[in-house]
Amino acid sequence: MNCDFQILSDNEFGYIGQCACCREFNFAYKNLLITFTEEHLFHFYDFLIGNQDNPNFLFDTPHGKSHVYRSPVENLFLTFNVDELKELSQLFNEVQLVLEARKIVDL
């Protein structure tokens, strides 16, 4: 089966897109690719952005990252710097606009 995949937002480092068949979202950023349902995609975003000022997530790493997030996988952490979090926020904001526009058009 050949399904259409639509990029909803992108920049030079990644994209957020959706598969027309399964309706899952791909979040790709630098060397990270995670698939989500719509609900989980925005829970992920809320978690990242909601904790960007939380001191429990701030830790300067040797490679210039300042935000360290524990994943559900015991030994996997996601690291970002402030500029990367801004880029991610822009991606997610654009996706939210596209999805809202779709809802209006589908009414």
C-alpha atoms as a PDB file:
ATOM      1  CA  MET A   1       0.000   0.000   0.000  1.00  0.00           C
ATOM      2  CA  ASN A   2       1.305   3.426  -0.917  1.00  0.00           C
ATOM      3  CA  CYS A   3       0.190   6.131   1.500  1.00  0.00           C
ATOM      4  CA  ASP A   4       0.556   9.850   1.152  1.00  0.00           C
ATOM      5  CA  PHE A   5       2.748  11.564   3.695  1.00  0.00           C
ATOM      6  CA  GLN A   6       2.304  15.284   4.210  1.00  0.00           C
ATOM      7  CA  ILE A   7       4.861  17.587   5.794  1.00  0.00           C
ATOM      8  CA  LEU A   8       2.930  20.003   8.003  1.00  0.00           C
ATOM      9  CA  SER A   9       5.896  22.100   9.131  1.00  0.00           C
ATOM     10  CA  ASP A  10       9.619  21.962   8.487  1.00  0.00           C
ATOM     11  CA  ASN A  11      12.878  23.805   8.895  1.00  0.00           C
ATOM     12  CA  GLU A  12      16.482  23.021   8.018  1.00  0.00           C
ATOM     13  CA  PHE A  13      16.801  20.619  10.965  1.00  0.00           C
ATOM     14  CA  GLY A  14      13.583  18.646  10.826  1.00  0.00           C
ATOM     15  CA  TYR A  15       9.881  18.399  10.207  1.00  0.00           C
ATOM     16  CA  ILE A  16       6.548  17.310  11.561  1.00  0.00           C
ATOM     17  CA  GLY A  17       4.433  15.367   9.110  1.00  0.00           C
ATOM     18  CA  GLN A  18       1.444  13.061   9.007  1.00  0.00           C
ATOM     19  CA  CYS A  19       0.728   9.794   7.231  1.00  0.00           C
ATOM     20  CA  ALA A  20      -2.649   9.901   5.467  1.00  0.00           C
ATOM     21  CA  CYS A  21      -3.252   6.160   5.996  1.00  0.00           C
ATOM     22  CA  CYS A  22      -2.505   5.598   9.659  1.00  0.00           C
ATOM     23  CA  ARG A  23      -2.896   9.266  10.717  1.00  0.00           C
ATOM     24  CA  GLU A  24       0.285   9.029  12.815  1.00  0.00           C
ATOM     25  CA  PHE A  25       2.612  11.980  13.054  1.00  0.00           C
ATOM     26  CA  ASN A  26       6.356  11.880  12.502  1.00  0.00           C
ATOM     27  CA  PHE A  27       8.451  14.259  14.547  1.00  0.00           C
ATOM     28  CA  ALA A  28      11.915  14.398  12.998  1.00  0.00           C
ATOM     29  CA  TYR A  29      14.555  16.719  14.387  1.00  0.00           C
ATOM     30  CA  LYS A  30      18.267  16.385  13.715  1.00  0.00           C
ATOM     31  CA  ASN A  31      18.994  12.692  14.388  1.00  0.00           C
ATOM     32  CA  LEU A  32      15.724  12.014  16.210  1.00  0.00           C
ATOM     33  CA  LEU A  33      12.594  10.473  14.678  1.00  0.00           C
ATOM     34  CA  ILE A  34       9.578   9.716  16.865  1.00  0.00           C
ATOM     35  CA  THR A  35       6.071   8.717  15.795  1.00  0.00           C
ATOM     36  CA  PHE A  36       3.013   9.873  17.711  1.00  0.00           C
ATOM     37  CA  THR A  37      -0.738  10.029  17.654  1.00  0.00           C
ATOM     38  CA  GLU A  38      -1.975  13.629  17.510  1.00  0.00           C
ATOM     39  CA  GLU A  39      -2.742  13.621  21.225  1.00  0.00           C
ATOM     40  CA  HIS A  40       0.678  12.259  22.178  1.00  0.00           C
ATOM     41  CA  LEU A  41       2.465  14.631  19.799  1.00  0.00           C
ATOM     42  CA  PHE A  42       1.079  17.625  21.660  1.00  0.00           C
ATOM     43  CA  HIS A  43       1.631  16.026  25.071  1.00  0.00           C
ATOM     44  CA  PHE A  44       5.286  15.684  24.043  1.00  0.00           C
ATOM     45  CA  TYR A  45       5.398  19.339  22.994  1.00  0.00           C
ATOM     46  CA  ASP A  46       3.715  20.469  26.225  1.00  0.00           C
ATOM     47  CA  PHE A  47       6.216  18.408  28.218  1.00  0.00           C
ATOM     48  CA  LEU A  48       9.241  19.929  26.437  1.00  0.00           C
ATOM     49  CA  ILE A  49       8.100  23.530  26.475  1.00  0.00           C
ATOM     50  CA  GLY A  50       6.349  23.334  29.839  1.00  0.00           C
ATOM     51  CA  ASN A  51       9.579  22.211  31.497  1.00  0.00           C
ATOM     52  CA  GLN A  52      12.046  24.467  29.717  1.00  0.00           C
ATOM     53  CA  ASP A  53      12.413  26.649  32.827  1.00  0.00           C
ATOM     54  CA  ASN A  54      12.117  23.791  35.314  1.00  0.00           C
ATOM     55  CA  PRO A  55      15.432  23.533  37.217  1.00  0.00           C
ATOM     56  CA  ASN A  56      15.046  19.743  37.371  1.00  0.00           C
ATOM     57  CA  PHE A  57      15.570  19.637  33.589  1.00  0.00           C
ATOM     58  CA  LEU A  58      18.455  22.117  33.396  1.00  0.00           C
ATOM     59  CA  PHE A  59      21.911  20.611  33.149  1.00  0.00           C
ATOM     60  CA  ASP A  60      24.785  21.926  31.065  1.00  0.00           C
ATOM     61  CA  THR A  61      26.283  19.103  29.063  1.00  0.00           C
ATOM     62  CA  PRO A  62      29.790  19.129  27.541  1.00  0.00           C
ATOM     63  CA  HIS A  63      28.317  19.443  24.033  1.00  0.00           C
ATOM     64  CA  GLY A  64      26.402  22.669  24.697  1.00  0.00           C
ATOM     65  CA  LYS A  65      22.969  21.309  25.550  1.00  0.00           C
ATOM     66  CA  SER A  66      21.277  22.807  28.584  1.00  0.00           C
ATOM     67  CA  HIS A  67      17.946  20.965  28.797  1.00  0.00           C
ATOM     68  CA  VAL A  68      17.921  17.250  29.548  1.00  0.00           C
ATOM     69  CA  TYR A  69      14.661  15.307  29.382  1.00  0.00           C
ATOM     70  CA  ARG A  70      14.289  11.713  30.534  1.00  0.00           C
ATOM     71  CA  SER A  71      12.371   9.568  28.092  1.00  0.00           C
ATOM     72  CA  PRO A  72      10.107   6.644  28.995  1.00  0.00           C
ATOM     73  CA  VAL A  73      13.009   4.395  27.975  1.00  0.00           C
ATOM     74  CA  GLU A  74      15.110   4.014  31.121  1.00  0.00           C
ATOM     75  CA  ASN A  75      18.494   4.871  29.633  1.00  0.00           C
ATOM     76  CA  LEU A  76      17.453   7.345  26.927  1.00  0.00           C
ATOM     77  CA  PHE A  77      17.545  11.106  27.397  1.00  0.00           C
ATOM     78  CA  LEU A  78      16.722  13.902  24.975  1.00  0.00           C
ATOM     79  CA  THR A  79      18.925  16.987  25.090  1.00  0.00           C
ATOM     80  CA  PHE A  80      18.303  20.408  23.612  1.00  0.00           C
ATOM     81  CA  ASN A  81      19.661  23.912  23.916  1.00  0.00           C
ATOM     82  CA  VAL A  82      17.542  27.063  24.144  1.00  0.00           C
ATOM     83  CA  ASP A  83      17.707  27.794  20.397  1.00  0.00           C
ATOM     84  CA  GLU A  84      16.630  24.243  19.556  1.00  0.00           C
ATOM     85  CA  LEU A  85      13.629  24.531  21.872  1.00  0.00           C
ATOM     86  CA  LYS A  86      12.663  27.750  20.059  1.00  0.00           C
ATOM     87  CA  GLU A  87      12.920  25.931  16.715  1.00  0.00           C
ATOM     88  CA  LEU A  88      10.772  23.083  18.035  1.00  0.00           C
ATOM     89  CA  SER A  89       8.216  25.533  19.349  1.00  0.00           C
ATOM     90  CA  GLN A  90       7.979  27.118  15.895  1.00  0.00           C
ATOM     91  CA  LEU A  91       7.450  23.704  14.264  1.00  0.00           C
ATOM     92  CA  PHE A  92       4.704  22.771  16.710  1.00  0.00           C
ATOM     93  CA  ASN A  93       2.985  26.165  16.441  1.00  0.00           C
ATOM     94  CA  GLU A  94       2.853  25.835  12.648  1.00  0.00           C
ATOM     95  CA  VAL A  95       1.412  22.322  12.935  1.00  0.00           C
ATOM     96  CA  GLN A  96      -1.264  23.559  15.329  1.00  0.00           C
ATOM     97  CA  LEU A  97      -2.264  26.229  12.799  1.00  0.00           C
ATOM     98  CA  VAL A  98      -2.436  23.704   9.950  1.00  0.00           C
ATOM     99  CA  LEU A  99      -4.558  21.314  12.010  1.00  0.00           C
ATOM    100  CA  GLU A 100      -6.908  24.111  13.097  1.00  0.00           C
ATOM    101  CA  ALA A 101      -7.263  25.226   9.476  1.00  0.00           C
ATOM    102  CA  ARG A 102      -8.083  21.642   8.458  1.00  0.00           C
ATOM    103  CA  LYS A 103     -10.822  21.495  11.094  1.00  0.00           C
ATOM    104  CA  ILE A 104     -12.355  24.729   9.815  1.00  0.00           C
ATOM    105  CA  VAL A 105     -12.274  23.543   6.201  1.00  0.00           C
ATOM    106  CA  ASP A 106     -13.745  20.140   7.120  1.00  0.00           C
ATOM    107  CA  LEU A 107     -16.722  21.677   8.938  1.00  0.00           C
END
